[in-house]
Amino acid sequence: MSDNNSSNRPKFYDHVNVYDFDCKLPGSEQDVKFKPVTTGQLKKLLTYENEKDLIIQEQALDDMILSSVLSEDFNIDELYLEDRFYLLVELRKKTKGEVLEFSFTCPQCKSQSINRVDLNKLPIKPLDKKETIVDLGHDIKVYLRRVKRKHQKEIKSSMIHQHLSEMQKQAEVQILFHSCAIDKIETSDGLDENLKLVDKQYLIENIPTGDYDKIRKGIDEMAFGLDLRYTTKCRQCNFEAETIVPVENNFFT
């Protein structure tokens, strides 16, 4: 008989990580049920601790999310990136607590201090459903969309055969991310829809940098979800500065 049979295992197995939670995603408004992240899940995540490849890091986070979510209708590829991040923060809150501590080095007096942020108190910007169109002039209009995880995964496919340095890879990922946010392109010749990622990348790489800035600004203005801006204050000299709550390193550890 298998050792995994419930009649043979210790009684405490049925009392481990039995609580589940739910949250409503700010973009799709989907209700998601999940369990806190376990030590075993974190152990797997730590194998990527020194991984510099952003694409691999994102896949590791996907694996952790999928092993925590209980909702049967959950599809990670259909998540807006802002909703995915919101869900990660909810997982962190139920796993490690609502208060995030991080060190702050004062740029004025160079002293270090610990700042504490209550993740429950971060403001949430609602999703604005209006269509975003960027007029580049030169007879080109760009229609933008909010990037979902499935769009972001296209980046990996487009880079699979490229041999780039880390700096080149970061620049390529940024351009491809902004390419993913393009939905369709309109000119006097008509509307180009169902464009391939390579076509969108061609547009970005062949327009003046000022036009690229317009596209990036449009994408930034479409952002919604958690607002990570936070005012830090030095306890030594009272210097204040607005910063972004750091969620990259040791977020779950």
Protein backbone atom coordinates (compact mmCIF):
# COMPACT_ATOMS: atom_id res chain seq x y z
CA MET A 1 0.00 0.00 0.00
CA SER A 2 1.28 3.51 -0.85
CA ASP A 3 2.87 5.61 1.89
CA ASN A 4 0.77 8.50 0.57
CA ASN A 5 -2.44 6.80 1.69
CA SER A 6 -4.17 9.12 4.16
CA SER A 7 -4.83 6.25 6.57
CA ASN A 8 -1.08 5.65 7.00
CA ARG A 9 0.21 9.19 7.37
CA PRO A 10 0.54 11.08 10.70
CA LYS A 11 -2.57 12.87 11.93
CA PHE A 12 -1.00 16.34 11.83
CA TYR A 13 -0.87 16.27 8.00
CA ASP A 14 -4.54 17.21 7.92
CA HIS A 15 -3.89 20.33 10.03
CA VAL A 16 -1.06 21.87 7.98
CA ASN A 17 -1.82 24.95 5.83
CA VAL A 18 -5.55 24.33 5.99
CA TYR A 19 -6.62 27.98 5.83
CA ASP A 20 -7.40 29.65 2.54
CA PHE A 21 -8.04 33.28 1.64
CA ASP A 22 -9.54 35.18 -1.25
CA CYS A 23 -9.09 38.54 -2.91
CA LYS A 24 -10.67 40.47 -5.77
CA LEU A 25 -8.24 41.54 -8.48
CA PRO A 26 -8.49 45.30 -9.19
CA GLY A 27 -8.43 44.94 -12.98
CA SER A 28 -10.45 41.90 -13.99
CA GLU A 29 -12.40 41.95 -10.69
CA GLN A 30 -11.99 38.17 -10.57
CA ASP A 31 -12.25 36.57 -7.13
CA VAL A 32 -9.21 34.37 -6.48
CA LYS A 33 -8.93 31.84 -3.67
CA PHE A 34 -5.44 30.92 -2.49
CA LYS A 35 -3.32 29.43 0.27
CA PRO A 36 -0.25 31.06 1.84
CA VAL A 37 3.14 30.24 0.35
CA THR A 38 4.78 27.29 2.11
CA THR A 39 8.40 26.76 3.14
CA GLY A 40 8.70 24.14 0.42
CA GLN A 41 7.56 26.59 -2.23
CA LEU A 42 10.03 29.19 -0.99
CA LYS A 43 12.83 26.63 -1.10
CA LYS A 44 12.13 26.11 -4.79
CA LEU A 45 11.99 29.89 -5.34
CA LEU A 46 15.39 30.36 -3.66
CA THR A 47 17.03 28.27 -6.36
CA TYR A 48 16.46 31.33 -8.58
CA GLU A 49 17.87 33.78 -6.02
CA ASN A 50 20.94 34.67 -8.09
CA GLU A 51 19.22 34.32 -11.43
CA LYS A 52 19.66 37.51 -13.48
CA ASP A 53 17.46 36.49 -16.39
CA LEU A 54 14.18 38.39 -15.90
CA ILE A 55 12.26 35.92 -18.04
CA ILE A 56 13.30 32.99 -15.86
CA GLN A 57 12.52 34.99 -12.70
CA GLU A 58 9.01 35.67 -13.96
CA GLN A 59 8.44 31.98 -14.71
CA ALA A 60 9.55 31.10 -11.16
CA LEU A 61 6.94 33.51 -9.78
CA ASP A 62 4.32 31.95 -12.06
CA ASP A 63 5.13 28.53 -10.63
CA MET A 64 4.76 29.83 -7.07
CA ILE A 65 1.43 31.52 -7.83
CA LEU A 66 0.04 28.43 -9.54
CA SER A 67 1.01 26.21 -6.61
CA SER A 68 -0.88 28.52 -4.21
CA VAL A 69 -4.06 29.39 -6.10
CA LEU A 70 -7.07 27.13 -5.46
CA SER A 71 -9.60 28.67 -7.88
CA GLU A 72 -10.44 26.19 -10.63
CA ASP A 73 -11.16 28.88 -13.23
CA PHE A 74 -7.82 30.63 -12.66
CA ASN A 75 -5.73 31.21 -15.80
CA ILE A 76 -2.44 32.96 -15.13
CA ASP A 77 -1.94 33.77 -18.82
CA GLU A 78 -5.09 35.93 -18.77
CA LEU A 79 -3.92 38.05 -15.83
CA TYR A 80 -3.14 41.69 -16.40
CA LEU A 81 0.41 42.24 -15.13
CA GLU A 82 -0.94 44.67 -12.52
CA ASP A 83 -3.40 42.02 -11.31
CA ARG A 84 -0.60 39.46 -11.15
CA PHE A 85 1.47 41.80 -9.00
CA TYR A 86 -1.53 42.55 -6.78
CA LEU A 87 -2.00 38.81 -6.26
CA LEU A 88 1.68 38.41 -5.36
CA VAL A 89 1.31 41.11 -2.69
CA GLU A 90 -1.80 39.38 -1.32
CA LEU A 91 0.16 36.11 -1.15
CA ARG A 92 2.96 37.89 0.70
CA LYS A 93 0.54 39.47 3.19
CA LYS A 94 -0.99 36.10 4.11
CA THR A 95 2.40 34.38 4.16
CA LYS A 96 4.71 36.82 5.97
CA GLY A 97 2.35 39.51 7.26
CA GLU A 98 1.12 42.90 6.17
CA VAL A 99 4.17 44.90 7.30
CA LEU A 100 7.17 45.06 4.96
CA GLU A 101 10.50 46.22 6.37
CA PHE A 102 13.29 47.61 4.22
CA SER A 103 16.52 49.49 4.83
CA PHE A 104 16.92 53.09 3.70
CA THR A 105 20.22 54.95 3.23
CA CYS A 106 19.75 58.68 3.58
CA PRO A 107 21.22 60.47 0.55
CA GLN A 108 21.92 63.52 2.72
CA CYS A 109 23.62 62.23 5.88
CA LYS A 110 24.31 58.63 4.67
CA SER A 111 22.86 57.08 7.82
CA GLN A 112 20.85 53.87 7.52
CA SER A 113 17.46 53.21 9.00
CA ILE A 114 14.67 50.66 8.78
CA ASN A 115 11.40 51.72 7.20
CA ARG A 116 8.15 49.83 7.71
CA VAL A 117 5.27 49.89 5.25
CA ASP A 118 1.81 48.52 5.93
CA LEU A 119 0.94 46.81 2.64
CA ASN A 120 -2.75 47.10 3.51
CA LYS A 121 -2.47 50.88 3.33
CA LEU A 122 -1.01 51.14 -0.16
CA PRO A 123 -3.47 53.08 -2.35
CA ILE A 124 -5.03 51.30 -5.32
CA LYS A 125 -5.57 53.09 -8.62
CA PRO A 126 -8.68 51.76 -10.39
CA LEU A 127 -8.60 50.52 -13.98
CA ASP A 128 -9.72 53.12 -16.50
CA LYS A 129 -11.53 51.26 -19.29
CA LYS A 130 -11.28 54.02 -21.89
CA GLU A 131 -9.31 53.25 -25.06
CA THR A 132 -5.82 54.75 -25.27
CA ILE A 133 -4.74 56.02 -28.69
CA VAL A 134 -1.34 57.66 -29.22
CA ASP A 135 -1.17 59.96 -32.24
CA LEU A 136 2.43 59.97 -33.45
CA GLY A 137 1.74 62.34 -36.32
CA HIS A 138 3.34 61.29 -39.61
CA ASP A 139 -0.05 59.67 -40.36
CA ILE A 140 0.38 57.01 -37.64
CA LYS A 141 -1.91 56.29 -34.70
CA VAL A 142 -1.07 53.55 -32.18
CA TYR A 143 -3.82 51.81 -30.21
CA LEU A 144 -2.58 50.48 -26.87
CA ARG A 145 -3.76 47.60 -24.72
CA ARG A 146 -3.01 46.51 -21.18
CA VAL A 147 -0.40 43.79 -21.14
CA LYS A 148 -1.42 40.36 -19.88
CA ARG A 149 0.90 37.60 -18.80
CA LYS A 150 0.33 35.75 -22.10
CA HIS A 151 1.53 38.82 -24.00
CA GLN A 152 4.60 39.09 -21.80
CA LYS A 153 5.46 35.45 -22.50
CA GLU A 154 5.80 36.29 -26.20
CA ILE A 155 9.01 38.09 -25.27
CA LYS A 156 10.69 34.80 -24.36
CA SER A 157 9.77 33.23 -27.70
CA SER A 158 11.14 36.16 -29.67
CA MET A 159 14.49 36.12 -27.83
CA ILE A 160 15.12 32.38 -27.72
CA HIS A 161 17.73 32.32 -30.51
CA GLN A 162 19.41 35.62 -29.68
CA HIS A 163 22.84 35.78 -28.06
CA LEU A 164 22.94 39.05 -26.16
CA SER A 165 24.92 40.53 -23.30
CA GLU A 166 23.01 41.27 -20.08
CA MET A 167 22.82 44.97 -20.95
CA GLN A 168 21.60 44.22 -24.48
CA LYS A 169 19.07 41.74 -23.10
CA GLN A 170 17.63 44.31 -20.69
CA ALA A 171 17.24 46.85 -23.49
CA GLU A 172 15.63 44.24 -25.74
CA VAL A 173 13.19 43.15 -23.02
CA GLN A 174 12.13 46.77 -22.44
CA ILE A 175 11.48 47.40 -26.13
CA LEU A 176 9.62 44.10 -26.49
CA PHE A 177 7.50 44.86 -23.42
CA HIS A 178 6.39 48.15 -24.92
CA SER A 179 5.80 46.34 -28.22
CA CYS A 180 3.47 43.93 -26.39
CA ALA A 181 1.33 46.87 -25.33
CA ILE A 182 0.54 47.79 -28.93
CA ASP A 183 -2.83 46.44 -30.03
CA LYS A 184 -3.18 47.85 -33.56
CA ILE A 185 -1.77 50.57 -35.80
CA GLU A 186 -3.75 52.93 -38.01
CA THR A 187 -2.55 54.90 -41.04
CA SER A 188 -4.28 56.45 -44.04
CA ASP A 189 -3.94 53.04 -45.71
CA GLY A 190 -6.18 51.48 -43.09
CA LEU A 191 -5.98 49.59 -39.81
CA ASP A 192 -3.36 46.91 -39.15
CA GLU A 193 -4.76 44.39 -36.66
CA ASN A 194 -3.57 40.99 -35.40
CA LEU A 195 0.01 42.18 -35.71
CA LYS A 196 2.93 39.92 -34.83
CA LEU A 197 5.28 41.02 -32.06
CA VAL A 198 8.08 41.46 -34.60
CA ASP A 199 5.92 43.96 -36.52
CA LYS A 200 5.25 46.00 -33.40
CA GLN A 201 8.94 45.92 -32.54
CA TYR A 202 9.72 47.17 -36.05
CA LEU A 203 7.53 50.22 -35.45
CA ILE A 204 9.22 51.09 -32.15
CA GLU A 205 12.73 50.63 -33.50
CA ASN A 206 12.06 52.73 -36.59
CA ILE A 207 10.38 55.82 -35.14
CA PRO A 208 12.13 58.85 -33.60
CA THR A 209 12.88 58.52 -29.89
CA GLY A 210 10.41 61.32 -29.17
CA ASP A 211 7.61 59.21 -30.64
CA TYR A 212 8.77 56.22 -28.62
CA ASP A 213 8.53 58.41 -25.52
CA LYS A 214 4.89 59.16 -26.41
CA ILE A 215 4.13 55.44 -26.52
CA ARG A 216 5.87 54.82 -23.21
CA LYS A 217 3.99 57.71 -21.61
CA GLY A 218 0.70 56.31 -22.87
CA ILE A 219 1.52 52.89 -21.40
CA ASP A 220 2.50 54.45 -18.06
CA GLU A 221 -0.76 56.40 -17.90
CA MET A 222 -2.75 53.19 -18.41
CA ALA A 223 -1.24 51.58 -15.31
CA PHE A 224 -3.56 50.70 -12.44
CA GLY A 225 -3.46 48.71 -9.22
CA LEU A 226 -1.16 49.18 -6.24
CA ASP A 227 0.64 52.50 -5.91
CA LEU A 228 4.10 51.74 -4.49
CA ARG A 229 5.16 55.34 -3.93
CA TYR A 230 6.18 55.91 -0.34
CA THR A 231 7.72 58.82 1.59
CA THR A 232 10.79 57.81 3.58
CA LYS A 233 12.12 59.95 6.44
CA CYS A 234 15.61 59.88 7.91
CA ARG A 235 15.55 59.63 11.71
CA GLN A 236 18.91 61.37 11.99
CA CYS A 237 18.50 64.51 9.88
CA ASN A 238 14.74 64.43 9.09
CA PHE A 239 15.41 64.37 5.35
CA GLU A 240 12.34 63.20 3.42
CA ALA A 241 12.16 61.69 -0.04
CA GLU A 242 9.59 59.84 -2.11
CA THR A 243 10.73 56.38 -3.08
CA ILE A 244 9.25 53.17 -4.42
CA VAL A 245 8.55 50.39 -1.93
CA PRO A 246 11.15 47.71 -2.78
CA VAL A 247 9.43 44.42 -3.56
CA GLU A 248 12.12 42.70 -5.61
CA ASN A 249 14.49 41.35 -2.97
CA ASN A 250 13.54 39.20 0.03
CA PHE A 251 9.85 39.94 -0.49
CA PHE A 252 8.81 36.50 0.73
CA THR A 253 11.82 35.71 2.94
